[in-house]
Amino acid sequence: MKRLGQSEVIELLEKSDEPLTRTEIANKLDARPTFISKVLKKLCDNGEVRCRKISYTLARKRYGSLRSLKVYFVK
């Protein structure tokens, strides 16, 4: 696993058509989700990346998740 920074996460979100979850970002960048969480928190605090919480039903329908999720996107 390589160590990556904020620029890789921003680049991935800019290329993506729709908002991504933390796990999707981690899988695409081959990193640990806990590390991605730290990076995303810093980026959200800076205002470079926005996050939105999606409902349980939408999360289950779109992502197959059993809980509500936060999705991340660039303005």
C-alpha atoms as a PDB file:
ATOM      1  CA  MET A   1       0.000   0.000   0.000  1.00  0.00           C
ATOM      2  CA  LYS A   2       1.391   3.303  -1.021  1.00  0.00           C
ATOM      3  CA  ARG A   3       1.024   6.469   0.985  1.00  0.00           C
ATOM      4  CA  LEU A   4      -1.032   9.053  -0.770  1.00  0.00           C
ATOM      5  CA  GLY A   5      -2.023  12.586  -0.170  1.00  0.00           C
ATOM      6  CA  GLN A   6      -4.914  14.906  -0.625  1.00  0.00           C
ATOM      7  CA  SER A   7      -4.220  15.639  -4.271  1.00  0.00           C
ATOM      8  CA  GLU A   8      -4.898  12.043  -5.335  1.00  0.00           C
ATOM      9  CA  VAL A   9      -8.237  12.026  -3.532  1.00  0.00           C
ATOM     10  CA  ILE A  10      -9.279  15.358  -5.076  1.00  0.00           C
ATOM     11  CA  GLU A  11      -8.216  14.161  -8.531  1.00  0.00           C
ATOM     12  CA  LEU A  12     -10.288  10.972  -8.184  1.00  0.00           C
ATOM     13  CA  LEU A  13     -13.366  12.900  -7.042  1.00  0.00           C
ATOM     14  CA  GLU A  14     -13.025  15.384  -9.910  1.00  0.00           C
ATOM     15  CA  LYS A  15     -12.919  12.554 -12.465  1.00  0.00           C
ATOM     16  CA  SER A  16     -15.924  10.786 -10.937  1.00  0.00           C
ATOM     17  CA  ASP A  17     -19.384  11.508 -12.353  1.00  0.00           C
ATOM     18  CA  GLU A  18     -21.201  10.831  -9.104  1.00  0.00           C
ATOM     19  CA  PRO A  19     -20.372  11.156  -5.389  1.00  0.00           C
ATOM     20  CA  LEU A  20     -18.213   8.379  -3.939  1.00  0.00           C
ATOM     21  CA  THR A  21     -18.237   6.731  -0.544  1.00  0.00           C
ATOM     22  CA  ARG A  22     -15.149   6.396   1.618  1.00  0.00           C
ATOM     23  CA  THR A  23     -14.821   2.693   0.789  1.00  0.00           C
ATOM     24  CA  GLU A  24     -15.059   3.283  -2.970  1.00  0.00           C
ATOM     25  CA  ILE A  25     -12.343   5.935  -2.759  1.00  0.00           C
ATOM     26  CA  ALA A  26     -10.134   3.608  -0.697  1.00  0.00           C
ATOM     27  CA  ASN A  27     -10.599   0.722  -3.131  1.00  0.00           C
ATOM     28  CA  LYS A  28      -9.820   2.818  -6.197  1.00  0.00           C
ATOM     29  CA  LEU A  29      -6.697   4.278  -4.604  1.00  0.00           C
ATOM     30  CA  ASP A  30      -5.636   0.994  -2.961  1.00  0.00           C
ATOM     31  CA  ALA A  31      -5.505   2.488   0.517  1.00  0.00           C
ATOM     32  CA  ARG A  32      -6.969   1.793   3.950  1.00  0.00           C
ATOM     33  CA  PRO A  33     -10.426   3.303   4.551  1.00  0.00           C
ATOM     34  CA  THR A  34      -9.306   4.659   7.943  1.00  0.00           C
ATOM     35  CA  PHE A  35      -6.499   6.602   6.282  1.00  0.00           C
ATOM     36  CA  ILE A  36      -8.887   7.902   3.626  1.00  0.00           C
ATOM     37  CA  SER A  37     -11.180   9.085   6.450  1.00  0.00           C
ATOM     38  CA  LYS A  38      -8.429  11.275   7.867  1.00  0.00           C
ATOM     39  CA  VAL A  39      -7.658  12.748   4.454  1.00  0.00           C
ATOM     40  CA  LEU A  40     -11.353  13.374   3.719  1.00  0.00           C
ATOM     41  CA  LYS A  41     -11.891  15.033   7.094  1.00  0.00           C
ATOM     42  CA  LYS A  42      -9.062  17.482   6.433  1.00  0.00           C
ATOM     43  CA  LEU A  43     -10.356  18.195   2.933  1.00  0.00           C
ATOM     44  CA  CYS A  44     -13.907  18.757   4.216  1.00  0.00           C
ATOM     45  CA  ASP A  45     -12.651  21.098   6.930  1.00  0.00           C
ATOM     46  CA  ASN A  46     -10.708  23.082   4.309  1.00  0.00           C
ATOM     47  CA  GLY A  47     -13.758  23.245   2.061  1.00  0.00           C
ATOM     48  CA  GLU A  48     -12.014  21.585  -0.883  1.00  0.00           C
ATOM     49  CA  VAL A  49     -14.321  18.552  -0.794  1.00  0.00           C
ATOM     50  CA  ARG A  50     -17.965  18.511   0.226  1.00  0.00           C
ATOM     51  CA  CYS A  51     -19.752  15.671   1.933  1.00  0.00           C
ATOM     52  CA  ARG A  52     -23.414  14.810   2.177  1.00  0.00           C
ATOM     53  CA  LYS A  53     -25.114  12.185   4.258  1.00  0.00           C
ATOM     54  CA  ILE A  54     -27.512  10.041   2.262  1.00  0.00           C
ATOM     55  CA  SER A  55     -30.494   8.228   3.669  1.00  0.00           C
ATOM     56  CA  TYR A  56     -30.596   4.606   4.684  1.00  0.00           C
ATOM     57  CA  THR A  57     -32.969   3.635   1.855  1.00  0.00           C
ATOM     58  CA  LEU A  58     -30.904   5.333  -0.841  1.00  0.00           C
ATOM     59  CA  ALA A  59     -27.695   3.850   0.569  1.00  0.00           C
ATOM     60  CA  ARG A  60     -29.234   0.398   0.529  1.00  0.00           C
ATOM     61  CA  LYS A  61     -30.566   0.762  -2.997  1.00  0.00           C
ATOM     62  CA  ARG A  62     -27.459   2.281  -4.559  1.00  0.00           C
ATOM     63  CA  TYR A  63     -24.594   0.817  -2.543  1.00  0.00           C
ATOM     64  CA  GLY A  64     -26.087  -2.251  -0.862  1.00  0.00           C
ATOM     65  CA  SER A  65     -25.127  -0.782   2.484  1.00  0.00           C
ATOM     66  CA  LEU A  66     -26.967  -1.572   5.664  1.00  0.00           C
ATOM     67  CA  ARG A  67     -26.616   1.915   7.130  1.00  0.00           C
ATOM     68  CA  SER A  68     -26.758   5.519   6.039  1.00  0.00           C
ATOM     69  CA  LEU A  69     -23.578   6.700   4.355  1.00  0.00           C
ATOM     70  CA  LYS A  70     -21.636   9.850   3.755  1.00  0.00           C
ATOM     71  CA  VAL A  71     -20.742  10.523   0.151  1.00  0.00           C
ATOM     72  CA  TYR A  72     -17.990  12.877  -0.935  1.00  0.00           C
ATOM     73  CA  PHE A  73     -17.751  15.104  -3.994  1.00  0.00           C
ATOM     74  CA  VAL A  74     -15.965  18.162  -5.341  1.00  0.00           C
ATOM     75  CA  LYS A  75     -17.953  21.358  -5.853  1.00  0.00           C
END
